[in-house]
N, C-alpha and C. Protein backbone atom coordinates (compact mmCIF):
# COMPACT_ATOMS: atom_id res chain seq x y z
N MET A 1 212.15 28.67 92.43
CA MET A 1 212.16 27.75 93.06
C MET A 1 213.23 28.36 94.22
N GLY A 2 213.32 27.84 95.55
CA GLY A 2 214.12 28.32 96.56
C GLY A 2 215.81 27.75 96.01
N ALA A 3 215.97 28.61 96.64
CA ALA A 3 217.84 28.21 96.96
C ALA A 3 218.23 26.87 97.86
N SER A 4 217.37 26.49 98.98
CA SER A 4 218.36 25.96 99.88
C SER A 4 216.94 25.56 100.89
N LEU A 5 217.02 24.34 101.68
CA LEU A 5 216.04 23.93 102.35
C LEU A 5 216.18 25.14 103.67
N GLN A 6 217.48 25.65 103.56
CA GLN A 6 217.28 26.47 105.26
C GLN A 6 216.74 27.87 104.69
N GLN A 7 216.39 28.33 103.50
CA GLN A 7 216.00 29.49 103.02
C GLN A 7 214.17 29.04 103.56
N ALA A 8 213.96 27.79 102.49
CA ALA A 8 212.56 27.22 102.68
C ALA A 8 212.17 27.46 104.24
N GLU A 9 213.16 27.17 105.12
CA GLU A 9 212.57 26.95 106.45
C GLU A 9 212.01 28.22 106.72
N ALA A 10 212.98 29.25 106.64
CA ALA A 10 213.05 30.78 106.84
C ALA A 10 211.38 31.08 106.51
N SER A 11 210.72 30.82 105.18
CA SER A 11 209.70 31.13 104.54
C SER A 11 208.29 30.62 105.19
N VAL A 12 208.47 29.78 106.40
CA VAL A 12 207.28 28.80 106.48
C VAL A 12 206.99 30.00 107.72
N THR A 13 205.75 30.45 107.59
CA THR A 13 205.16 31.40 108.72
C THR A 13 204.27 30.96 109.70
N GLU A 14 203.67 29.54 109.23
CA GLU A 14 202.75 28.86 110.51
C GLU A 14 203.92 28.49 111.55
N PRO A 15 203.42 29.08 113.06
CA PRO A 15 204.09 29.04 114.14
C PRO A 15 204.01 27.55 114.75
N SER A 16 204.67 26.82 114.76
CA SER A 16 204.97 25.39 115.42
C SER A 16 203.65 24.94 116.63
N SER A 17 203.54 26.00 117.22
CA SER A 17 202.24 25.82 118.40
C SER A 17 200.94 25.69 117.68
N THR A 18 200.95 26.70 116.63
CA THR A 18 199.20 26.55 116.21
C THR A 18 199.21 25.56 115.22
N SER A 19 198.09 24.79 114.89
CA SER A 19 197.79 24.38 113.99
C SER A 19 196.98 25.08 112.97
N PRO A 20 197.30 24.54 111.81
CA PRO A 20 196.82 25.62 110.37
C PRO A 20 195.37 25.15 110.30
N LEU A 21 195.07 23.64 110.76
CA LEU A 21 193.66 23.24 110.25
C LEU A 21 192.68 24.49 110.42
N LEU A 22 191.35 24.11 109.67
CA LEU A 22 190.53 25.43 109.69
C LEU A 22 189.20 24.57 110.30
N PHE A 23 189.22 23.24 110.72
CA PHE A 23 188.25 23.04 111.31
C PHE A 23 188.41 22.14 112.45
N ALA A 24 188.37 22.25 113.49
CA ALA A 24 188.73 21.76 115.05
C ALA A 24 188.13 20.17 115.04
N THR A 25 188.71 19.44 115.31
CA THR A 25 188.04 17.76 115.86
C THR A 25 187.14 17.95 116.82
N PRO A 26 185.75 17.35 116.62
CA PRO A 26 184.86 17.62 117.76
C PRO A 26 185.22 16.56 118.65
N SER A 27 184.67 16.94 120.32
CA SER A 27 185.17 16.59 121.20
C SER A 27 184.37 14.93 121.01
N GLY A 28 183.65 14.77 120.45
CA GLY A 28 182.86 13.58 120.32
C GLY A 28 183.70 12.48 119.63
N TRP A 29 185.16 13.04 119.10
CA TRP A 29 185.67 11.76 118.52
C TRP A 29 186.50 11.61 119.33
N VAL A 30 186.93 12.19 120.44
CA VAL A 30 188.01 11.71 121.44
C VAL A 30 187.19 10.35 122.25
N ASP A 31 185.93 10.79 122.71
CA ASP A 31 184.88 9.78 123.21
C ASP A 31 185.01 8.85 122.41
N ALA A 32 184.82 8.75 121.19
CA ALA A 32 184.47 7.40 119.95
C ALA A 32 185.73 6.71 120.64
N VAL A 33 187.16 7.31 120.44
CA VAL A 33 188.46 6.63 120.57
C VAL A 33 188.47 6.06 121.71
N LEU A 34 188.06 6.51 123.11
CA LEU A 34 188.35 6.26 124.39
C LEU A 34 187.55 4.87 124.92
N GLY A 35 186.08 4.67 123.89
CA GLY A 35 185.25 3.90 123.73
C GLY A 35 185.78 2.71 123.31
N ASP A 36 186.79 2.39 122.48
CA ASP A 36 187.05 1.38 121.88
C ASP A 36 188.60 1.59 121.32
N PHE A 37 189.61 1.76 122.47
CA PHE A 37 190.76 2.52 122.10
C PHE A 37 191.52 0.80 121.80
N ASP A 38 191.10 -0.08 121.95
CA ASP A 38 191.93 -1.16 121.12
C ASP A 38 191.93 -0.82 120.03
N ARG A 39 190.60 -0.74 119.12
CA ARG A 39 190.47 -0.23 117.71
C ARG A 39 191.06 0.48 117.35
N PHE A 40 191.19 1.65 118.09
CA PHE A 40 192.05 2.69 117.49
C PHE A 40 193.37 2.94 117.31
N LEU A 41 193.77 1.57 118.71
CA LEU A 41 195.36 1.56 118.17
C LEU A 41 195.59 0.70 116.70
N LEU A 42 194.41 -0.37 116.21
CA LEU A 42 195.23 -0.86 115.19
C LEU A 42 194.83 0.03 114.08
N ASP A 43 194.39 1.23 114.11
CA ASP A 43 194.07 2.03 112.71
C ASP A 43 195.16 2.52 113.09
N HIS A 44 195.71 3.10 114.48
CA HIS A 44 196.77 3.94 114.03
C HIS A 44 197.99 3.33 113.77
N ALA A 45 198.29 2.18 114.26
CA ALA A 45 198.99 1.13 113.59
C ALA A 45 199.56 1.24 112.08
N ALA A 46 198.26 0.85 111.49
CA ALA A 46 197.75 0.68 110.10
C ALA A 46 198.17 2.24 109.27
N ALA A 47 197.87 3.50 110.07
CA ALA A 47 198.49 4.87 109.98
C ALA A 47 199.71 4.98 109.41
N GLU A 48 200.30 4.39 110.79
CA GLU A 48 202.17 4.73 110.64
C GLU A 48 202.71 3.62 109.53
N LYS A 49 201.88 2.63 109.36
CA LYS A 49 202.79 2.04 108.05
C LYS A 49 202.53 2.68 106.57
N LYS A 50 201.25 2.83 106.32
CA LYS A 50 200.76 3.94 105.32
C LYS A 50 201.84 5.09 105.13
N ALA A 51 202.28 5.51 106.38
CA ALA A 51 202.76 6.90 106.39
C ALA A 51 204.35 6.46 105.82
N SER A 52 204.60 5.61 106.58
CA SER A 52 206.15 4.89 105.95
C SER A 52 206.46 4.68 104.60
N GLY A 53 205.38 3.71 103.86
CA GLY A 53 205.48 3.25 102.63
C GLY A 53 205.14 4.82 101.69
N MET A 54 204.38 5.89 101.94
CA MET A 54 204.21 7.25 101.29
C MET A 54 205.50 7.83 101.14
N ALA A 55 206.26 7.70 102.50
CA ALA A 55 207.45 8.29 102.08
C ALA A 55 208.67 7.40 101.31
N ILE A 56 208.46 6.54 101.41
CA ILE A 56 209.20 5.46 100.33
C ILE A 56 208.79 5.83 98.69
N SER A 57 207.40 5.88 98.50
CA SER A 57 206.76 6.15 97.73
C SER A 57 207.60 7.55 96.73
N MET A 58 207.37 8.43 97.79
CA MET A 58 208.18 9.62 97.22
C MET A 58 209.29 9.70 96.97
N LEU A 59 209.94 8.95 97.76
CA LEU A 59 211.60 8.91 97.27
C LEU A 59 211.81 8.57 96.25
N SER A 60 211.11 7.13 96.18
CA SER A 60 211.09 6.41 94.52
C SER A 60 210.63 7.11 93.32
N HIS A 61 209.57 8.16 93.16
CA HIS A 61 209.05 8.79 92.30
C HIS A 61 210.01 10.15 91.68
N TYR A 62 210.88 10.76 92.77
CA TYR A 62 211.43 11.68 92.79
C TYR A 62 213.11 11.62 93.02
N PRO A 63 213.46 10.67 92.51
CA PRO A 63 215.37 10.75 92.92
C PRO A 63 215.98 12.04 92.36
N ASP A 64 215.79 12.57 91.55
CA ASP A 64 216.18 13.84 90.81
C ASP A 64 215.91 15.12 92.00
N ARG A 65 214.99 14.98 93.04
CA ARG A 65 215.07 16.16 94.22
C ARG A 65 215.65 15.28 95.41
N VAL A 66 216.89 15.81 95.55
CA VAL A 66 218.02 15.25 96.51
C VAL A 66 217.26 15.26 98.38
N LYS A 67 217.29 16.83 98.04
CA LYS A 67 216.26 17.38 99.53
C LYS A 67 215.47 16.38 99.87
N LEU A 68 214.27 16.06 98.68
CA LEU A 68 213.44 15.07 99.33
C LEU A 68 213.51 14.07 99.44
N VAL A 69 214.79 13.10 98.61
CA VAL A 69 214.97 12.11 99.10
C VAL A 69 215.36 11.68 100.41
N GLU A 70 216.41 12.72 100.46
CA GLU A 70 216.81 12.85 102.34
C GLU A 70 216.07 12.80 103.00
N ALA A 71 214.94 13.59 103.30
CA ALA A 71 214.05 13.91 104.02
C ALA A 71 213.00 12.39 104.19
N MET A 72 212.58 12.09 102.94
CA MET A 72 211.75 11.09 102.99
C MET A 72 212.49 9.92 103.40
N ALA A 73 213.52 9.86 103.37
CA ALA A 73 214.39 8.46 103.61
C ALA A 73 214.24 8.08 105.56
N ASP A 74 214.86 9.56 105.71
CA ASP A 74 214.36 9.69 107.12
C ASP A 74 213.19 9.56 107.67
N LEU A 75 212.12 10.06 107.10
CA LEU A 75 210.65 10.03 107.60
C LEU A 75 210.02 8.67 107.43
N ALA A 76 210.40 7.77 106.38
CA ALA A 76 210.25 6.73 106.51
C ALA A 76 210.71 5.77 107.47
N ILE A 77 211.81 6.17 108.22
CA ILE A 77 212.43 5.13 109.08
C ILE A 77 211.49 5.45 110.27
N GLU A 78 211.35 6.77 110.26
CA GLU A 78 210.53 7.42 111.69
C GLU A 78 209.25 6.82 111.70
N GLU A 79 208.58 6.66 110.69
CA GLU A 79 206.94 6.46 110.90
C GLU A 79 207.14 4.81 111.27
N LEU A 80 208.15 4.12 110.56
CA LEU A 80 207.97 2.61 110.45
C LEU A 80 208.32 2.32 112.09
N SER A 81 209.31 3.41 112.67
CA SER A 81 209.55 3.18 114.06
C SER A 81 208.54 3.52 115.26
N HIS A 82 207.41 4.92 114.51
CA HIS A 82 206.23 4.60 115.25
C HIS A 82 205.36 3.41 114.99
N TYR A 83 205.26 2.81 113.95
CA TYR A 83 204.56 1.73 113.85
C TYR A 83 205.25 0.24 114.86
N ARG A 84 206.42 0.21 115.10
CA ARG A 84 206.63 -0.32 115.78
C ARG A 84 206.42 -0.63 117.09
N GLU A 85 206.31 0.88 117.98
CA GLU A 85 205.86 0.79 119.37
C GLU A 85 204.07 0.72 119.31
N VAL A 86 203.80 1.18 118.30
CA VAL A 86 202.17 1.08 118.21
C VAL A 86 201.64 -0.54 118.07
N VAL A 87 202.71 -1.18 117.91
CA VAL A 87 202.36 -2.46 117.80
C VAL A 87 202.89 -3.37 118.94
N LYS A 88 203.78 -2.49 119.88
CA LYS A 88 204.09 -3.25 121.04
C LYS A 88 203.19 -2.96 122.07
N TRP A 89 202.23 -1.43 121.84
CA TRP A 89 201.09 -1.35 122.73
C TRP A 89 199.84 -2.47 122.47
N ILE A 90 199.66 -2.92 121.05
CA ILE A 90 198.39 -3.69 120.47
C ILE A 90 198.76 -5.18 121.45
N HIS A 91 199.89 -5.61 121.12
CA HIS A 91 200.00 -6.85 121.91
C HIS A 91 200.35 -6.87 123.55
N GLN A 92 200.69 -5.93 123.82
CA GLN A 92 200.79 -5.57 125.27
C GLN A 92 199.00 -5.82 126.02
N ARG A 93 198.36 -5.37 125.19
CA ARG A 93 197.11 -5.10 125.42
C ARG A 93 196.17 -6.84 125.34
N GLY A 94 196.98 -7.56 124.39
CA GLY A 94 196.26 -8.60 124.04
C GLY A 94 195.73 -8.69 122.79
N GLY A 95 196.00 -7.37 121.98
CA GLY A 95 195.40 -7.76 120.46
C GLY A 95 196.97 -8.54 119.60
N ARG A 96 196.24 -8.34 118.69
CA ARG A 96 196.84 -8.74 117.01
C ARG A 96 196.52 -7.44 116.04
N THR A 97 197.60 -7.39 115.25
CA THR A 97 197.38 -6.61 113.97
C THR A 97 196.69 -7.42 112.89
N GLY A 98 195.98 -6.87 111.97
CA GLY A 98 195.11 -7.42 110.93
C GLY A 98 195.34 -6.73 109.66
N ALA A 99 194.38 -7.33 109.02
CA ALA A 99 194.22 -6.21 107.59
C ALA A 99 194.05 -5.00 107.26
N ASP A 100 194.61 -4.17 106.82
CA ASP A 100 194.30 -2.70 106.67
C ASP A 100 193.14 -2.24 105.94
N GLU A 101 192.37 -1.09 106.64
CA GLU A 101 191.03 -1.03 105.87
C GLU A 101 191.13 0.31 105.45
N LYS A 102 190.72 0.63 104.31
CA LYS A 102 190.95 1.80 103.58
C LYS A 102 190.04 2.81 104.67
N ASP A 103 191.29 3.73 104.11
CA ASP A 103 190.65 5.29 104.79
C ASP A 103 190.20 6.34 104.35
N ALA A 104 188.77 6.64 104.22
CA ALA A 104 187.86 7.16 103.84
C ALA A 104 188.27 8.88 103.73
N TYR A 105 188.95 8.95 104.50
CA TYR A 105 189.56 10.43 104.64
C TYR A 105 190.83 10.73 103.77
N VAL A 106 191.58 10.01 103.65
CA VAL A 106 192.60 9.79 102.92
C VAL A 106 192.24 9.74 101.30
N GLY A 107 191.31 8.99 101.43
CA GLY A 107 190.50 8.70 99.94
C GLY A 107 190.21 9.54 99.30
N GLN A 108 189.18 10.41 100.00
CA GLN A 108 188.64 11.88 99.68
C GLN A 108 189.45 12.66 99.65
N PHE A 109 190.58 12.69 100.43
CA PHE A 109 191.64 14.19 100.23
C PHE A 109 192.58 13.64 99.34
N ARG A 110 192.97 12.60 98.61
CA ARG A 110 193.48 12.56 97.51
C ARG A 110 192.97 12.83 96.30
N LYS A 111 191.63 13.08 95.93
CA LYS A 111 191.16 13.37 95.03
C LYS A 111 191.18 14.86 94.93
N SER A 112 191.73 15.59 95.74
CA SER A 112 192.03 17.18 95.61
C SER A 112 193.34 17.46 94.81
N ILE A 113 194.43 16.23 94.82
CA ILE A 113 195.47 16.37 94.07
C ILE A 113 195.33 16.37 92.27
N ARG A 114 195.97 17.49 92.14
CA ARG A 114 195.98 17.58 90.74
C ARG A 114 196.78 16.98 89.64
N ASP A 115 196.34 16.53 88.37
CA ASP A 115 197.34 16.13 87.47
C ASP A 115 198.10 16.92 86.82
N GLY A 116 199.55 16.40 86.28
CA GLY A 116 200.76 17.57 85.90
C GLY A 116 201.97 17.17 86.65
N LYS A 117 202.84 16.89 86.18
CA LYS A 117 204.22 16.96 87.08
C LYS A 117 204.22 17.65 87.86
N GLU A 118 204.44 19.19 87.79
CA GLU A 118 204.59 20.12 89.07
C GLU A 118 203.35 20.04 89.96
N ASP A 119 202.43 20.05 89.42
CA ASP A 119 201.16 20.20 89.96
C ASP A 119 200.93 19.16 91.09
N TYR A 120 201.39 18.01 90.66
CA TYR A 120 201.11 16.79 91.49
C TYR A 120 202.14 16.69 92.64
N LEU A 121 203.13 17.24 92.33
CA LEU A 121 204.48 16.93 93.51
C LEU A 121 203.77 17.88 94.32
N LEU A 122 203.43 19.42 93.99
CA LEU A 122 203.18 20.18 95.26
C LEU A 122 202.15 19.64 95.46
N ASP A 123 201.22 19.22 95.01
CA ASP A 123 199.67 18.81 95.83
C ASP A 123 199.97 17.40 96.70
N ARG A 124 200.90 16.57 96.42
CA ARG A 124 201.43 15.37 96.99
C ARG A 124 202.12 15.92 98.46
N LEU A 125 202.97 17.12 98.41
CA LEU A 125 203.81 17.68 99.47
C LEU A 125 202.63 18.37 100.46
N LEU A 126 201.96 19.22 99.66
CA LEU A 126 200.67 19.96 100.69
C LEU A 126 199.82 19.08 101.56
N THR A 127 199.51 17.98 100.51
CA THR A 127 198.15 17.10 101.36
C THR A 127 198.85 16.23 102.58
N ALA A 128 200.15 16.05 102.13
CA ALA A 128 200.65 15.33 103.01
C ALA A 128 201.31 15.95 104.06
N GLY A 129 200.95 17.28 104.25
CA GLY A 129 201.60 17.69 105.19
C GLY A 129 199.90 18.58 106.03
N ILE A 130 199.10 18.36 105.45
CA ILE A 130 197.90 18.76 106.22
C ILE A 130 197.33 17.38 106.77
N ILE A 131 197.63 16.01 106.24
CA ILE A 131 197.37 14.91 107.18
C ILE A 131 198.52 14.77 108.08
N GLU A 132 199.62 15.17 107.90
CA GLU A 132 200.31 15.08 109.18
C GLU A 132 199.65 16.04 110.46
N ALA A 133 198.86 17.51 109.72
CA ALA A 133 198.62 18.51 110.92
C ALA A 133 197.65 17.99 111.60
N ARG A 134 196.18 17.23 110.53
CA ARG A 134 195.32 16.51 111.41
C ARG A 134 195.90 15.38 112.62
N GLY A 135 197.14 14.73 112.28
CA GLY A 135 197.71 13.58 113.01
C GLY A 135 197.68 14.26 114.22
N ALA A 136 198.81 15.35 114.01
CA ALA A 136 199.14 16.05 115.45
C ALA A 136 198.24 16.57 116.12
N GLU A 137 197.15 17.25 115.94
CA GLU A 137 195.89 17.29 116.26
C GLU A 137 195.52 16.45 117.22
N ARG A 138 195.09 15.26 116.99
CA ARG A 138 194.31 14.38 117.27
C ARG A 138 194.83 13.81 118.30
N PHE A 139 196.43 13.15 117.93
CA PHE A 139 197.02 12.80 118.69
C PHE A 139 197.37 13.72 120.03
N ALA A 140 197.29 14.92 119.93
CA ALA A 140 197.58 15.65 121.45
C ALA A 140 195.89 15.47 121.98
N LEU A 141 195.02 15.72 121.45
CA LEU A 141 193.95 15.20 121.87
C LEU A 141 194.09 13.88 122.85
N ILE A 142 194.19 13.20 122.39
CA ILE A 142 194.26 12.01 122.97
C ILE A 142 194.94 11.77 124.20
N ALA A 143 196.15 12.32 123.97
CA ALA A 143 197.19 12.57 125.20
C ALA A 143 196.61 13.46 126.35
N ASP A 144 195.49 14.07 126.00
CA ASP A 144 195.30 15.18 126.94
C ASP A 144 194.24 14.36 127.69
N ALA A 145 193.68 13.09 127.01
CA ALA A 145 192.49 12.54 127.68
C ALA A 145 192.65 11.16 128.50
N LEU A 146 193.95 10.60 128.14
CA LEU A 146 194.40 9.71 128.92
C LEU A 146 195.06 9.83 130.06
N GLU A 147 195.32 8.89 131.15
CA GLU A 147 195.99 8.87 132.56
C GLU A 147 196.97 9.25 132.37
N PRO A 148 197.75 10.43 133.18
CA PRO A 148 198.95 10.28 133.41
C PRO A 148 199.85 8.89 133.08
N GLY A 149 200.77 8.33 132.46
CA GLY A 149 201.15 7.16 132.30
C GLY A 149 202.23 6.86 131.05
N PRO A 150 202.79 5.81 130.86
CA PRO A 150 203.38 5.68 129.54
C PRO A 150 202.85 5.75 128.15
N LEU A 151 201.56 5.45 128.17
CA LEU A 151 200.82 5.49 126.74
C LEU A 151 200.36 7.20 126.92
N GLN A 152 200.08 8.09 127.70
CA GLN A 152 199.96 9.17 127.43
C GLN A 152 201.45 10.17 127.23
N LYS A 153 202.56 9.62 127.46
CA LYS A 153 203.86 10.04 127.31
C LYS A 153 203.85 9.76 125.84
N PHE A 154 203.74 8.57 125.31
CA PHE A 154 203.56 8.00 123.89
C PHE A 154 203.24 8.79 122.94
N TYR A 155 201.85 8.98 123.63
CA TYR A 155 201.01 10.15 122.45
C TYR A 155 201.62 11.43 122.34
N ARG A 156 201.94 12.21 123.58
CA ARG A 156 202.63 13.56 123.27
C ARG A 156 203.54 13.66 122.47
N ALA A 157 204.61 12.52 122.88
CA ALA A 157 205.54 12.28 122.05
C ALA A 157 205.26 12.23 120.33
N ILE A 158 204.26 11.34 119.95
CA ILE A 158 203.69 11.12 118.82
C ILE A 158 202.83 12.44 118.31
N ALA A 159 202.58 13.29 118.89
CA ALA A 159 201.72 14.35 118.47
C ALA A 159 202.92 15.44 117.94
N ARG A 160 204.12 15.43 119.26
CA ARG A 160 205.42 16.54 118.44
C ARG A 160 205.88 16.00 117.16
N SER A 161 205.76 14.87 117.09
CA SER A 161 206.32 14.20 116.08
C SER A 161 206.04 14.69 114.36
N GLU A 162 204.29 14.37 114.62
CA GLU A 162 203.25 14.76 113.52
C GLU A 162 203.48 16.14 113.27
N GLU A 163 203.65 16.73 114.22
CA GLU A 163 203.94 18.56 114.10
C GLU A 163 205.12 19.04 113.19
N ARG A 164 206.35 18.32 113.68
CA ARG A 164 207.64 18.55 112.69
C ARG A 164 207.19 17.81 111.40
N HIS A 165 206.36 16.81 111.81
CA HIS A 165 206.49 16.07 110.07
C HIS A 165 205.28 17.60 109.13
N PHE A 166 204.44 18.00 109.59
CA PHE A 166 203.60 18.82 108.43
C PHE A 166 204.32 20.23 108.21
N GLU A 167 205.14 20.24 109.28
CA GLU A 167 206.13 21.53 108.98
C GLU A 167 207.25 21.20 107.90
N LEU A 168 207.69 20.10 108.01
CA LEU A 168 208.91 19.34 107.20
C LEU A 168 208.15 19.54 105.42
N PHE A 169 206.67 18.83 105.43
CA PHE A 169 206.46 19.05 104.10
C PHE A 169 205.97 20.52 103.52
N LEU A 170 206.06 21.31 104.08
CA LEU A 170 205.97 23.03 104.05
C LEU A 170 207.03 23.46 103.64
N LYS A 171 208.15 23.05 104.22
CA LYS A 171 209.62 23.53 103.82
C LYS A 171 209.78 22.71 102.85
N LEU A 172 209.53 21.65 102.54
CA LEU A 172 210.00 20.98 101.16
C LEU A 172 209.31 21.73 99.98
N ALA A 173 207.76 21.65 100.31
CA ALA A 173 206.93 22.69 99.33
C ALA A 173 207.65 23.97 98.74
N LYS A 174 208.15 24.94 99.78
CA LYS A 174 208.75 26.00 99.77
C LYS A 174 210.13 25.86 99.24
N LEU A 175 210.60 24.79 98.92
CA LEU A 175 211.97 24.64 98.78
C LEU A 175 211.87 24.53 96.95
N TYR A 176 210.91 23.56 96.23
CA TYR A 176 210.61 23.42 95.15
C TYR A 176 209.85 24.45 94.47
N PHE A 177 209.20 25.40 94.96
CA PHE A 177 208.02 26.13 94.53
C PHE A 177 207.96 27.39 95.15
N ALA A 178 207.73 28.57 94.28
CA ALA A 178 207.34 29.83 94.96
C ALA A 178 206.29 30.12 96.22
N THR A 179 207.09 30.75 96.94
CA THR A 179 206.09 31.07 98.26
C THR A 179 204.72 30.85 98.18
N ASP A 180 204.30 31.95 96.77
CA ASP A 180 203.06 32.95 96.94
C ASP A 180 202.20 31.61 96.49
N VAL A 181 203.05 30.72 95.34
CA VAL A 181 201.89 29.38 95.01
C VAL A 181 201.93 28.53 96.04
N VAL A 182 202.87 28.27 97.08
CA VAL A 182 202.32 27.13 97.87
C VAL A 182 201.63 28.04 99.05
N ALA A 183 201.40 29.09 99.43
CA ALA A 183 200.53 29.47 100.30
C ALA A 183 198.99 29.58 99.80
N GLU A 184 198.85 29.81 97.99
CA GLU A 184 197.75 29.87 97.78
C GLU A 184 197.06 28.52 97.34
N ARG A 185 197.94 27.45 97.17
CA ARG A 185 197.30 25.79 97.16
C ARG A 185 197.37 25.61 98.39
N TRP A 186 198.19 25.96 99.43
CA TRP A 186 197.76 25.38 100.99
C TRP A 186 196.37 25.79 101.41
N GLN A 187 196.08 27.02 101.12
CA GLN A 187 194.63 27.57 101.86
C GLN A 187 193.98 26.63 101.42
N GLU A 188 193.92 26.69 100.01
CA GLU A 188 192.87 25.91 99.13
C GLU A 188 192.73 23.99 99.75
N LEU A 189 193.92 23.63 100.01
CA LEU A 189 193.74 22.22 100.29
C LEU A 189 193.04 22.05 101.91
N LEU A 190 193.54 23.24 102.85
CA LEU A 190 193.10 23.07 104.08
C LEU A 190 191.57 23.30 103.94
N GLU A 191 190.96 24.07 103.01
CA GLU A 191 189.74 24.45 102.98
C GLU A 191 188.88 22.98 102.58
N ASP A 192 189.52 22.19 101.59
CA ASP A 192 189.40 21.00 101.48
C ASP A 192 189.17 19.92 102.07
N GLU A 193 190.28 19.95 103.26
CA GLU A 193 190.52 18.91 104.11
C GLU A 193 189.18 19.37 105.33
N ALA A 194 188.87 20.60 105.61
CA ALA A 194 188.22 20.89 106.45
C ALA A 194 186.67 20.39 106.11
N ALA A 195 186.35 20.49 104.78
CA ALA A 195 184.99 20.04 104.60
C ALA A 195 184.86 18.25 104.76
N ILE A 196 185.92 17.79 104.45
CA ILE A 196 186.00 16.57 104.36
C ILE A 196 185.74 15.67 105.55
N VAL A 197 186.39 16.61 106.76
CA VAL A 197 186.43 16.19 108.42
C VAL A 197 185.10 16.38 108.75
N ARG A 198 184.26 17.56 108.31
CA ARG A 198 183.10 17.65 108.79
C ARG A 198 182.09 16.52 108.34
N SER A 199 182.51 16.00 107.07
CA SER A 199 181.67 15.09 106.47
C SER A 199 181.67 13.64 106.91
N LEU A 200 182.55 13.46 107.55
CA LEU A 200 182.90 11.95 108.08
C LEU A 200 182.08 11.97 109.49
N PRO A 201 181.60 10.56 109.56
CA PRO A 201 181.25 9.89 110.84
C PRO A 201 182.57 9.99 111.51
N LEU A 202 182.35 10.26 113.38
CA LEU A 202 183.19 10.31 114.23
C LEU A 202 183.17 8.60 114.64
N ARG A 203 184.43 8.21 114.75
CA ARG A 203 185.12 6.68 115.03
C ARG A 203 185.97 6.63 115.73
N ALA A 204 186.29 5.36 116.30
CA ALA A 204 187.63 4.83 117.11
C ALA A 204 188.60 4.48 115.82
N ALA A 205 189.03 5.78 115.09
CA ALA A 205 189.90 5.82 114.06
C ALA A 205 190.75 7.13 113.92
N LEU A 206 191.63 6.97 113.79
CA LEU A 206 192.70 8.35 113.77
C LEU A 206 191.99 9.26 112.53
N HIS A 207 191.38 8.55 111.39
CA HIS A 207 190.66 9.77 110.33
C HIS A 207 189.28 9.39 110.51
């Protein structure tokens, strides 16, 4: 295990400007989102709310991991603030939030998480990091496709936040686990995620 979060940060080799993902989102996904942007906003809101809940779940399950608890407390607040901002856009456009739908992408990816106390923690951290990396990629694609204005600015900011989040989960993984163990499992999970994304239909949703 690493001695500090700062040391873990130093061991992260992925540059912040480079996505770690092994499969790039097809351009048709952007077309699907722009074709039904109001539906996308509803899904985006649900995703932010679930991300906040996930962070709360993590800090609740691992009270002995002090750095993790601190990081997840901050993350839960940030994700909920994103939810609040997306809800504002939904209401501004005349929409209303509704019941959450199951996320096939997340559901399938969770099947990659192994049993066993330590394996489970490592996989939770790394799958969360990869999900954030996919969000960073897709929000950036949306920002590039939108007309200049407040909504584009919002999605550029969200993309940068998601990028920081995926790096945070990697740092936490390297704080609690050996770097070579993290690197090997990270690659395996990236391959799993790429296969899932390839298999899913393109729709007006984050995943």
